[in-house]
Amino acid sequence: MAGDFFGEKSGFPRTGGKGKKRREEEVCLDQLLRAGTSPALNYGEAQSAESRKDFVHKMKIVLKELRETQVGLKIIEQAHLLKSTNQLSTANKECNELLLFVKH
């Protein structure tokens, strides 16, 4: 599981200064944007699967991307990168619901 990414022993790069911190935030949020939009795109690909095996494979990719999104949301929450806790809560809820749907 995600664990405490931002504890003293996290290994997460903490550079000093406002400019550096802003860059770290941008990297985290950019990665979340890519991971968070990927499941929908891959689900579209799964709808055009050429076989059952191909469909299952593409849905596994959707699941992996949703899990990555879930971890990314935890990182953003722990690093306090998003000011709106309501937005974060909504995103977490939606990600969890999609994970449940895709798993079954």
C-alpha atoms as a PDB file:
ATOM      1  CA  MET A   1       0.000   0.000   0.000  1.00  0.00           C
ATOM      2  CA  ALA A   2       0.977   3.608  -0.291  1.00  0.00           C
ATOM      3  CA  GLY A   3       2.247   4.101   3.231  1.00  0.00           C
ATOM      4  CA  ASP A   4       3.629   7.378   4.547  1.00  0.00           C
ATOM      5  CA  PHE A   5       5.472   8.812   1.564  1.00  0.00           C
ATOM      6  CA  PHE A   6       6.322  12.050   3.265  1.00  0.00           C
ATOM      7  CA  GLY A   7       7.586  10.916   6.637  1.00  0.00           C
ATOM      8  CA  GLU A   8      11.168  11.527   7.680  1.00  0.00           C
ATOM      9  CA  LYS A   9      12.379   8.265   6.122  1.00  0.00           C
ATOM     10  CA  SER A  10      10.278   8.488   2.982  1.00  0.00           C
ATOM     11  CA  GLY A  11      13.106   9.119   0.564  1.00  0.00           C
ATOM     12  CA  PHE A  12      10.851  11.558  -1.309  1.00  0.00           C
ATOM     13  CA  PRO A  13      13.052  14.352  -2.607  1.00  0.00           C
ATOM     14  CA  ARG A  14      12.530  17.418  -0.496  1.00  0.00           C
ATOM     15  CA  THR A  15      14.497  20.235  -1.964  1.00  0.00           C
ATOM     16  CA  GLY A  16      14.528  23.628  -0.427  1.00  0.00           C
ATOM     17  CA  GLY A  17      13.023  26.802  -1.745  1.00  0.00           C
ATOM     18  CA  LYS A  18       9.706  27.806  -3.205  1.00  0.00           C
ATOM     19  CA  GLY A  19      10.721  27.227  -6.820  1.00  0.00           C
ATOM     20  CA  LYS A  20      11.871  23.665  -6.181  1.00  0.00           C
ATOM     21  CA  LYS A  21       8.803  22.791  -4.128  1.00  0.00           C
ATOM     22  CA  ARG A  22       6.526  24.132  -6.852  1.00  0.00           C
ATOM     23  CA  ARG A  23       8.308  21.929  -9.411  1.00  0.00           C
ATOM     24  CA  GLU A  24       7.795  18.837  -7.221  1.00  0.00           C
ATOM     25  CA  GLU A  25       4.100  19.667  -6.956  1.00  0.00           C
ATOM     26  CA  GLU A  26       3.829  20.052 -10.728  1.00  0.00           C
ATOM     27  CA  VAL A  27       5.509  16.680 -11.308  1.00  0.00           C
ATOM     28  CA  CYS A  28       3.158  14.902  -8.884  1.00  0.00           C
ATOM     29  CA  LEU A  29       0.039  16.549 -10.265  1.00  0.00           C
ATOM     30  CA  ASP A  30       1.123  15.958 -13.866  1.00  0.00           C
ATOM     31  CA  GLN A  31       1.660  12.258 -13.199  1.00  0.00           C
ATOM     32  CA  LEU A  32      -1.739  12.043 -11.509  1.00  0.00           C
ATOM     33  CA  LEU A  33      -3.341  13.670 -14.543  1.00  0.00           C
ATOM     34  CA  ARG A  34      -1.766  11.081 -16.854  1.00  0.00           C
ATOM     35  CA  ALA A  35      -2.635   8.121 -14.611  1.00  0.00           C
ATOM     36  CA  GLY A  36      -6.116   9.445 -13.878  1.00  0.00           C
ATOM     37  CA  THR A  37      -7.107   9.833 -17.525  1.00  0.00           C
ATOM     38  CA  SER A  38      -5.517   6.603 -18.725  1.00  0.00           C
ATOM     39  CA  PRO A  39      -8.215   4.230 -17.378  1.00  0.00           C
ATOM     40  CA  ALA A  40     -10.918   5.855 -19.519  1.00  0.00           C
ATOM     41  CA  LEU A  41      -8.744   5.716 -22.630  1.00  0.00           C
ATOM     42  CA  ASN A  42      -7.791   2.098 -22.008  1.00  0.00           C
ATOM     43  CA  TYR A  43     -11.416   1.194 -21.318  1.00  0.00           C
ATOM     44  CA  GLY A  44     -12.243   2.593 -24.757  1.00  0.00           C
ATOM     45  CA  GLU A  45      -9.545   0.340 -26.186  1.00  0.00           C
ATOM     46  CA  ALA A  46     -11.018  -2.643 -24.355  1.00  0.00           C
ATOM     47  CA  GLN A  47     -14.373  -2.000 -26.025  1.00  0.00           C
ATOM     48  CA  SER A  48     -12.668  -2.722 -29.357  1.00  0.00           C
ATOM     49  CA  ALA A  49     -10.854  -5.818 -28.166  1.00  0.00           C
ATOM     50  CA  GLU A  50     -10.239  -8.414 -30.838  1.00  0.00           C
ATOM     51  CA  SER A  51     -10.806 -11.367 -28.511  1.00  0.00           C
ATOM     52  CA  ARG A  52     -11.829 -12.206 -24.971  1.00  0.00           C
ATOM     53  CA  LYS A  53      -8.145 -12.580 -24.055  1.00  0.00           C
ATOM     54  CA  ASP A  54      -7.405  -9.143 -25.514  1.00  0.00           C
ATOM     55  CA  PHE A  55     -10.343  -7.643 -23.584  1.00  0.00           C
ATOM     56  CA  VAL A  56      -9.155  -9.161 -20.291  1.00  0.00           C
ATOM     57  CA  HIS A  57      -5.626  -7.890 -20.917  1.00  0.00           C
ATOM     58  CA  LYS A  58      -6.830  -4.345 -21.607  1.00  0.00           C
ATOM     59  CA  MET A  59      -9.068  -4.369 -18.537  1.00  0.00           C
ATOM     60  CA  LYS A  60      -6.054  -5.412 -16.446  1.00  0.00           C
ATOM     61  CA  ILE A  61      -4.304  -2.305 -17.731  1.00  0.00           C
ATOM     62  CA  VAL A  62      -7.327  -0.240 -16.667  1.00  0.00           C
ATOM     63  CA  LEU A  63      -7.045  -1.785 -13.190  1.00  0.00           C
ATOM     64  CA  LYS A  64      -3.318  -1.026 -12.973  1.00  0.00           C
ATOM     65  CA  GLU A  65      -3.882   2.591 -13.953  1.00  0.00           C
ATOM     66  CA  LEU A  66      -6.664   2.987 -11.398  1.00  0.00           C
ATOM     67  CA  ARG A  67      -4.363   1.628  -8.692  1.00  0.00           C
ATOM     68  CA  GLU A  68      -1.657   4.061  -9.775  1.00  0.00           C
ATOM     69  CA  THR A  69      -4.197   6.874  -9.563  1.00  0.00           C
ATOM     70  CA  GLN A  70      -5.204   5.745  -6.080  1.00  0.00           C
ATOM     71  CA  VAL A  71      -1.579   5.871  -4.902  1.00  0.00           C
ATOM     72  CA  GLY A  72      -1.101   9.246  -6.598  1.00  0.00           C
ATOM     73  CA  LEU A  73      -4.090  10.627  -4.728  1.00  0.00           C
ATOM     74  CA  LYS A  74      -2.611   9.397  -1.447  1.00  0.00           C
ATOM     75  CA  ILE A  75       0.679  11.109  -2.252  1.00  0.00           C
ATOM     76  CA  ILE A  76      -1.096  14.370  -3.044  1.00  0.00           C
ATOM     77  CA  GLU A  77      -3.112  14.102   0.154  1.00  0.00           C
ATOM     78  CA  GLN A  78      -0.067  13.416   2.333  1.00  0.00           C
ATOM     79  CA  ALA A  79       1.962  16.188   0.700  1.00  0.00           C
ATOM     80  CA  HIS A  80      -0.949  18.628   0.984  1.00  0.00           C
ATOM     81  CA  LEU A  81      -0.612  19.520  -2.707  1.00  0.00           C
ATOM     82  CA  LEU A  82      -4.328  20.119  -3.217  1.00  0.00           C
ATOM     83  CA  LYS A  83      -5.992  22.842  -1.198  1.00  0.00           C
ATOM     84  CA  SER A  84      -9.528  21.563  -1.726  1.00  0.00           C
ATOM     85  CA  THR A  85     -10.063  18.532   0.476  1.00  0.00           C
ATOM     86  CA  ASN A  86     -13.527  18.234  -1.081  1.00  0.00           C
ATOM     87  CA  GLN A  87     -12.010  17.711  -4.549  1.00  0.00           C
ATOM     88  CA  LEU A  88      -9.577  15.163  -3.171  1.00  0.00           C
ATOM     89  CA  SER A  89     -12.321  13.318  -1.342  1.00  0.00           C
ATOM     90  CA  THR A  90     -14.470  13.221  -4.475  1.00  0.00           C
ATOM     91  CA  ALA A  91     -11.567  11.943  -6.581  1.00  0.00           C
ATOM     92  CA  ASN A  92     -10.735   9.251  -4.004  1.00  0.00           C
ATOM     93  CA  LYS A  93     -14.359   8.134  -3.849  1.00  0.00           C
ATOM     94  CA  GLU A  94     -14.673   7.931  -7.623  1.00  0.00           C
ATOM     95  CA  CYS A  95     -11.397   6.044  -7.957  1.00  0.00           C
ATOM     96  CA  ASN A  96     -12.466   3.523  -5.300  1.00  0.00           C
ATOM     97  CA  GLU A  97     -15.840   3.008  -7.000  1.00  0.00           C
ATOM     98  CA  LEU A  98     -14.162   2.433 -10.363  1.00  0.00           C
ATOM     99  CA  LEU A  99     -11.731  -0.029  -8.791  1.00  0.00           C
ATOM    100  CA  LEU A 100     -14.626  -2.007  -7.344  1.00  0.00           C
ATOM    101  CA  PHE A 101     -16.421  -1.985 -10.689  1.00  0.00           C
ATOM    102  CA  VAL A 102     -13.379  -3.102 -12.706  1.00  0.00           C
ATOM    103  CA  LYS A 103     -12.342  -5.812 -10.230  1.00  0.00           C
ATOM    104  CA  HIS A 104     -15.681  -7.553 -10.604  1.00  0.00           C
END
